[in-house]
Amino acid sequence: MAWAKFFRRPGGNLGRSYQPGSMLSLAPTKGLLNEPGQNSCFLNSAVQVLWHLDIFRRSLRQLPNHYCLGDSCIFCALKGIFCQFQHSRERALPSDNLRNALAETFKDEQRFQLGFMDDAAECFENILERIHLHIAPDAETDACTSKSCITHQKFAMALYEQSVCRSCGASSDPLPFTELVHYVSTTALCQQVLERRDERFGELLQAASTVGDLRNCPSKCGQRIKIRRVLMNSPEIVTIGFVWDSEQSDLTEDVIRSLGPHLNLSGVRLTSSKYTPLHLLNFSKAPGRVLKSQTTKALQYSSGS
């Protein structure tokens, strides 16, 4: 699921012509083929999410160069699909080139292989990681500062986590890390909805993300304390992966009702006072495969510029 920022240009009428969730700049709606036995719905879902993000689509189109891997180049295959979305007259398009490139790239890990179902949120995340490698192959994934890297310039959430004991005041060293997709348990989220009915989605998300995550006090005073996670930047696109406890869950409607049209980053403890609210753009409903008795779906909030 993606939240996005929308910026009003001076003298423009963006507020009237381009509302959150509108697709006025897109080609007529097209779909991706999923023939019997292909089991490509997870990939098609991830591609549709990326296509409907104006920020990503325009940035990808403007990139002149990349590190190409030929027939297994995910970057080329994705640009090819986007070109078909824009110019083809067909209503249903094949995703074979990207499916093959993905399978070849991850064959050693036996992931995203031809004919097998996989997880849409994980596919989305891995496509972003591969795009990073195609654009900035020499930069570390967690420390990429390349201005041309769409993955980290648009999607990356820079966070740190720390344990702070309220009993003795001891604290652990901050541990910085980067996320492209923030995963949260639907069971924990729905529980927070019941307990915190008047709070916004950002606060519910923050609370659900730390449910059950208890650590020992850094000074070993005997207290068990919750981990504290802080978002350090204001990403243009925030992607959230919902983790269901099973394939057959009755929580889907509860989760959807908890969503708001905007995501206020101050609700997830943004340290800077400068931020722009994000608007709900996409909710990927493609089923994910079960991973350790869990399955995921993707949600995006993004900022259109």
Protein backbone atom coordinates (compact mmCIF):
# COMPACT_ATOMS: atom_id res chain seq x y z
CA MET A 1 0.00 0.00 0.00
CA ALA A 2 1.43 3.41 -0.85
CA TRP A 3 0.98 6.84 0.62
CA ALA A 4 2.19 9.86 -1.40
CA LYS A 5 2.78 13.59 -0.98
CA PHE A 6 1.03 15.91 -3.42
CA PHE A 7 2.68 19.26 -4.09
CA ARG A 8 0.83 22.31 -5.44
CA ARG A 9 2.88 24.13 -8.07
CA PRO A 10 2.80 27.97 -7.95
CA GLY A 11 0.07 29.28 -10.23
CA GLY A 12 -1.17 25.79 -11.01
CA ASN A 13 -4.54 24.18 -10.39
CA LEU A 14 -3.24 20.83 -9.13
CA GLY A 15 -5.77 20.78 -6.33
CA ARG A 16 -8.65 20.86 -8.84
CA SER A 17 -7.27 18.66 -11.59
CA TYR A 18 -5.30 16.04 -9.67
CA GLN A 19 -6.88 14.63 -6.57
CA PRO A 20 -5.29 11.92 -4.42
CA GLY A 21 -5.91 8.58 -6.07
CA SER A 22 -6.85 10.10 -9.46
CA MET A 23 -5.21 8.66 -12.56
CA LEU A 24 -5.68 11.55 -15.00
CA SER A 25 -2.09 11.29 -16.23
CA LEU A 26 -2.29 7.56 -16.95
CA ALA A 27 -3.03 5.67 -20.12
CA PRO A 28 -6.42 3.91 -20.26
CA THR A 29 -6.61 1.04 -17.81
CA LYS A 30 -4.85 -2.11 -18.95
CA GLY A 31 -4.31 -5.44 -17.27
CA LEU A 32 -1.60 -8.10 -17.27
CA LEU A 33 -2.17 -11.64 -18.48
CA ASN A 34 -2.13 -14.54 -16.05
CA GLU A 35 -2.73 -17.68 -18.08
CA PRO A 36 -3.60 -21.00 -16.37
CA GLY A 37 -0.48 -22.43 -14.77
CA GLN A 38 1.50 -19.17 -14.91
CA ASN A 39 0.60 -18.13 -11.35
CA SER A 40 1.82 -14.60 -12.05
CA CYS A 41 -0.80 -12.71 -10.06
CA PHE A 42 1.74 -11.75 -7.38
CA LEU A 43 4.05 -10.19 -10.00
CA ASN A 44 1.21 -8.50 -11.86
CA SER A 45 0.03 -6.95 -8.61
CA ALA A 46 3.49 -5.53 -7.85
CA VAL A 47 3.83 -4.13 -11.38
CA GLN A 48 0.40 -2.47 -11.25
CA VAL A 49 1.31 -0.81 -7.95
CA LEU A 50 4.52 0.61 -9.43
CA TRP A 51 2.77 1.73 -12.61
CA HIS A 52 0.15 3.69 -10.70
CA LEU A 53 2.80 5.68 -8.81
CA ASP A 54 3.38 8.82 -10.86
CA ILE A 55 6.60 9.58 -8.96
CA PHE A 56 8.11 6.20 -9.77
CA ARG A 57 6.87 5.98 -13.35
CA ARG A 58 8.22 9.39 -14.34
CA SER A 59 11.54 8.88 -12.57
CA LEU A 60 12.05 5.50 -14.28
CA ARG A 61 11.32 7.01 -17.68
CA GLN A 62 13.83 9.82 -17.17
CA LEU A 63 16.76 7.58 -16.24
CA PRO A 64 19.13 7.45 -19.23
CA ASN A 65 21.49 4.66 -18.16
CA HIS A 66 21.63 1.54 -16.03
CA TYR A 67 23.74 -1.55 -15.49
CA CYS A 68 22.08 -3.97 -17.93
CA LEU A 69 22.03 -7.76 -17.46
CA GLY A 70 20.60 -8.68 -20.85
CA ASP A 71 17.78 -11.22 -20.82
CA SER A 72 17.75 -11.27 -17.00
CA CYS A 73 17.60 -7.48 -16.66
CA ILE A 74 14.65 -6.60 -14.43
CA PHE A 75 15.12 -2.89 -15.16
CA CYS A 76 14.72 -3.38 -18.95
CA ALA A 77 11.78 -5.76 -18.53
CA LEU A 78 9.92 -3.35 -16.25
CA LYS A 79 10.49 -0.40 -18.61
CA GLY A 80 9.22 -2.59 -21.43
CA ILE A 81 5.96 -3.30 -19.62
CA PHE A 82 5.53 0.40 -18.79
CA CYS A 83 6.06 1.25 -22.47
CA GLN A 84 3.34 -1.25 -23.41
CA PHE A 85 1.01 0.19 -20.78
CA GLN A 86 1.44 3.60 -22.37
CA HIS A 87 1.37 2.77 -26.08
CA SER A 88 -0.20 -0.66 -26.69
CA ARG A 89 -3.80 -0.92 -27.84
CA GLU A 90 -4.19 -4.31 -26.19
CA ARG A 91 -6.25 -4.43 -23.01
CA ALA A 92 -4.32 -7.35 -21.52
CA LEU A 93 -0.55 -7.44 -21.79
CA PRO A 94 1.99 -10.22 -21.13
CA SER A 95 4.44 -9.92 -18.26
CA ASP A 96 6.58 -12.83 -19.53
CA ASN A 97 9.83 -10.90 -19.95
CA LEU A 98 9.75 -9.61 -16.39
CA ARG A 99 8.60 -12.99 -15.05
CA ASN A 100 11.54 -14.69 -16.79
CA ALA A 101 14.04 -12.04 -15.65
CA LEU A 102 12.83 -12.35 -12.07
CA ALA A 103 13.06 -16.15 -12.15
CA GLU A 104 16.57 -16.06 -13.62
CA THR A 105 17.75 -13.47 -11.08
CA PHE A 106 16.53 -15.50 -8.10
CA LYS A 107 17.06 -19.04 -9.39
CA ASP A 108 19.83 -19.78 -6.86
CA GLU A 109 17.44 -18.87 -4.04
CA GLN A 110 14.56 -20.78 -5.67
CA ARG A 111 12.30 -17.75 -5.38
CA PHE A 112 9.87 -16.26 -7.92
CA GLN A 113 10.28 -19.30 -10.16
CA LEU A 114 8.17 -19.91 -13.26
CA GLY A 115 4.83 -21.54 -12.59
CA PHE A 116 4.99 -21.08 -8.82
CA MET A 117 3.00 -18.67 -6.66
CA ASP A 118 4.90 -16.18 -4.51
CA ASP A 119 4.33 -13.16 -2.30
CA ALA A 120 3.29 -9.85 -3.92
CA ALA A 121 4.77 -7.60 -1.22
CA GLU A 122 8.09 -9.46 -1.28
CA CYS A 123 8.12 -9.33 -5.08
CA PHE A 124 7.55 -5.56 -4.97
CA GLU A 125 10.37 -5.13 -2.44
CA ASN A 126 12.80 -7.28 -4.42
CA ILE A 127 12.06 -5.44 -7.66
CA LEU A 128 12.98 -2.19 -5.91
CA GLU A 129 16.19 -3.72 -4.58
CA ARG A 130 17.16 -4.95 -8.05
CA ILE A 131 16.47 -1.52 -9.54
CA HIS A 132 18.87 -0.10 -6.97
CA LEU A 133 21.53 -2.57 -8.15
CA HIS A 134 20.88 -1.67 -11.80
CA ILE A 135 21.27 2.06 -11.08
CA ALA A 136 23.85 2.21 -8.28
CA PRO A 137 25.63 -1.19 -8.30
CA ASP A 138 28.56 0.07 -6.20
CA ALA A 139 26.45 1.53 -3.38
CA GLU A 140 25.45 -0.52 -0.34
CA THR A 141 21.74 -1.22 -0.14
CA ASP A 142 21.37 0.22 3.38
CA ALA A 143 23.58 3.26 2.77
CA CYS A 144 22.78 4.38 -0.77
CA THR A 145 22.90 8.16 -1.28
CA SER A 146 22.92 8.18 -5.08
CA LYS A 147 20.62 10.93 -6.37
CA SER A 148 19.68 8.80 -9.37
CA CYS A 149 18.62 5.77 -7.30
CA ILE A 150 14.81 5.81 -7.43
CA THR A 151 14.58 3.07 -4.85
CA HIS A 152 16.27 4.99 -2.05
CA GLN A 153 15.37 8.54 -3.09
CA LYS A 154 11.64 7.77 -3.26
CA PHE A 155 10.91 4.68 -1.13
CA ALA A 156 13.56 4.27 1.55
CA MET A 157 12.53 4.74 5.18
CA ALA A 158 15.53 5.54 7.38
CA LEU A 159 14.87 4.38 10.93
CA TYR A 160 16.64 3.59 14.13
CA GLU A 161 15.57 1.45 17.05
CA GLN A 162 16.56 1.84 20.67
CA SER A 163 15.65 0.42 24.06
CA VAL A 164 15.05 3.00 26.80
CA CYS A 165 14.28 1.81 30.33
CA ARG A 166 11.82 4.03 32.21
CA SER A 167 12.74 2.40 35.49
CA CYS A 168 16.51 3.03 35.64
CA GLY A 169 16.95 5.37 32.66
CA ALA A 170 19.45 3.15 30.84
CA SER A 171 19.36 3.12 27.04
CA SER A 172 20.90 1.00 24.32
CA ASP A 173 22.92 2.38 21.41
CA PRO A 174 20.67 3.46 18.50
CA LEU A 175 20.61 0.86 15.74
CA PRO A 176 20.05 2.48 12.32
CA PHE A 177 18.49 0.55 9.44
CA THR A 178 16.58 1.08 6.20
CA GLU A 179 13.20 -0.32 5.12
CA LEU A 180 11.58 -0.29 1.70
CA VAL A 181 8.45 -2.02 3.00
CA HIS A 182 7.27 -1.77 6.60
CA TYR A 183 5.53 -5.00 7.66
CA VAL A 184 2.88 -5.07 10.35
CA SER A 185 0.69 -7.86 11.76
CA THR A 186 -3.00 -7.46 10.93
CA THR A 187 -3.90 -9.16 14.21
CA ALA A 188 -1.85 -6.61 16.18
CA LEU A 189 -3.24 -3.72 14.11
CA CYS A 190 -6.87 -4.75 14.65
CA GLN A 191 -6.23 -5.15 18.37
CA GLN A 192 -4.90 -1.59 18.50
CA VAL A 193 -7.99 -0.38 16.62
CA LEU A 194 -10.16 -1.87 19.38
CA GLU A 195 -8.04 -0.40 22.18
CA ARG A 196 -7.38 3.03 20.61
CA ARG A 197 -10.58 3.86 18.74
CA ASP A 198 -9.95 7.62 18.56
CA GLU A 199 -6.38 7.49 17.25
CA ARG A 200 -5.29 8.00 13.66
CA PHE A 201 -3.82 5.28 11.47
CA GLY A 202 -0.26 6.53 11.99
CA GLU A 203 -0.52 6.09 15.76
CA LEU A 204 -2.19 2.69 15.34
CA LEU A 205 0.58 1.58 13.00
CA GLN A 206 3.30 2.67 15.41
CA ALA A 207 1.65 0.85 18.32
CA ALA A 208 0.99 -2.34 16.33
CA SER A 209 4.58 -2.48 15.09
CA THR A 210 5.97 -2.96 18.60
CA VAL A 211 3.32 -5.27 20.08
CA GLY A 212 5.03 -8.18 21.85
CA ASP A 213 8.53 -6.90 21.02
CA LEU A 214 10.00 -6.75 24.54
CA ARG A 215 13.70 -6.56 25.35
CA ASN A 216 15.77 -6.82 28.50
CA CYS A 217 16.88 -3.57 30.11
CA PRO A 218 20.31 -2.50 28.70
CA SER A 219 21.66 -2.25 32.28
CA LYS A 220 20.02 -5.56 33.25
CA CYS A 221 17.93 -4.00 36.01
CA GLY A 222 15.34 -6.72 35.49
CA GLN A 223 12.76 -4.69 33.54
CA ARG A 224 11.32 -5.85 30.21
CA ILE A 225 10.87 -2.86 27.91
CA LYS A 226 9.37 -2.13 24.51
CA ILE A 227 11.65 -1.29 21.63
CA ARG A 228 11.43 2.27 20.34
CA ARG A 229 11.57 2.80 16.57
CA VAL A 230 11.92 6.26 15.07
CA LEU A 231 11.50 7.33 11.45
CA MET A 232 14.29 9.77 10.59
CA ASN A 233 13.26 10.97 7.13
CA SER A 234 10.14 11.93 5.20
CA PRO A 235 10.00 9.49 2.25
CA GLU A 236 7.92 10.39 -0.77
CA ILE A 237 6.40 6.90 -0.83
CA VAL A 238 5.63 4.75 2.21
CA THR A 239 4.81 1.09 1.54
CA ILE A 240 3.25 -1.08 4.22
CA GLY A 241 2.97 -4.86 3.99
CA PHE A 242 0.15 -6.37 6.00
CA VAL A 243 0.96 -9.79 7.43
CA TRP A 244 -2.01 -12.12 7.86
CA ASP A 245 -1.67 -15.02 10.28
CA SER A 246 -3.16 -17.39 7.73
CA GLU A 247 -4.45 -17.48 4.16
CA GLN A 248 -8.04 -17.59 5.41
CA SER A 249 -8.38 -14.53 7.63
CA ASP A 250 -11.53 -12.74 8.71
CA LEU A 251 -9.66 -9.50 9.48
CA THR A 252 -9.53 -8.02 5.97
CA GLU A 253 -12.56 -5.78 6.42
CA ASP A 254 -11.35 -4.64 9.85
CA VAL A 255 -7.98 -3.65 8.39
CA ILE A 256 -9.53 -1.73 5.50
CA ARG A 257 -11.82 0.15 7.90
CA SER A 258 -8.80 1.19 9.96
CA LEU A 259 -7.16 2.89 6.98
CA GLY A 260 -7.38 6.61 6.46
CA PRO A 261 -6.98 8.56 3.20
CA HIS A 262 -3.90 10.25 4.68
CA LEU A 263 -0.86 9.09 6.64
CA ASN A 264 0.57 11.66 9.03
CA LEU A 265 4.23 10.79 9.51
CA SER A 266 4.31 12.46 12.91
CA GLY A 267 2.16 9.53 14.00
CA VAL A 268 5.06 7.18 13.34
CA ARG A 269 7.50 9.38 15.27
CA LEU A 270 9.11 11.44 12.57
CA THR A 271 11.93 13.33 14.27
CA SER A 272 11.88 16.32 11.94
CA SER A 273 9.09 18.88 12.28
CA LYS A 274 8.97 19.32 8.49
CA TYR A 275 6.79 16.77 6.75
CA THR A 276 4.01 16.61 4.20
CA PRO A 277 0.96 14.38 4.81
CA LEU A 278 0.85 11.37 2.50
CA HIS A 279 -2.19 10.30 0.49
CA LEU A 280 -3.46 6.74 0.09
CA LEU A 281 -2.89 5.54 -3.47
CA ASN A 282 -2.82 1.76 -3.72
CA PHE A 283 -4.05 -1.30 -1.90
CA SER A 284 -2.77 -4.51 -3.47
CA LYS A 285 -5.24 -7.31 -2.87
CA ALA A 286 -3.31 -10.08 -4.63
CA PRO A 287 -2.93 -13.09 -2.34
CA GLY A 288 0.49 -13.83 -0.98
CA ARG A 289 1.90 -17.25 -0.37
CA VAL A 290 2.12 -18.58 3.16
CA LEU A 291 5.47 -17.88 4.79
CA LYS A 292 5.92 -19.46 8.20
CA SER A 293 2.11 -19.58 8.50
CA GLN A 294 1.81 -15.97 7.37
CA THR A 295 0.76 -14.21 4.17
CA THR A 296 1.18 -10.59 3.16
CA LYS A 297 -0.63 -7.92 1.15
CA ALA A 298 0.78 -4.53 0.18
CA LEU A 299 -0.50 -1.03 0.92
CA GLN A 300 1.03 2.20 -0.39
CA TYR A 301 0.91 5.83 0.58
CA SER A 302 2.84 8.15 -1.72
CA SER A 303 3.63 11.76 -2.62
CA GLY A 304 3.00 12.80 -6.21
CA SER A 305 5.29 15.44 -7.64
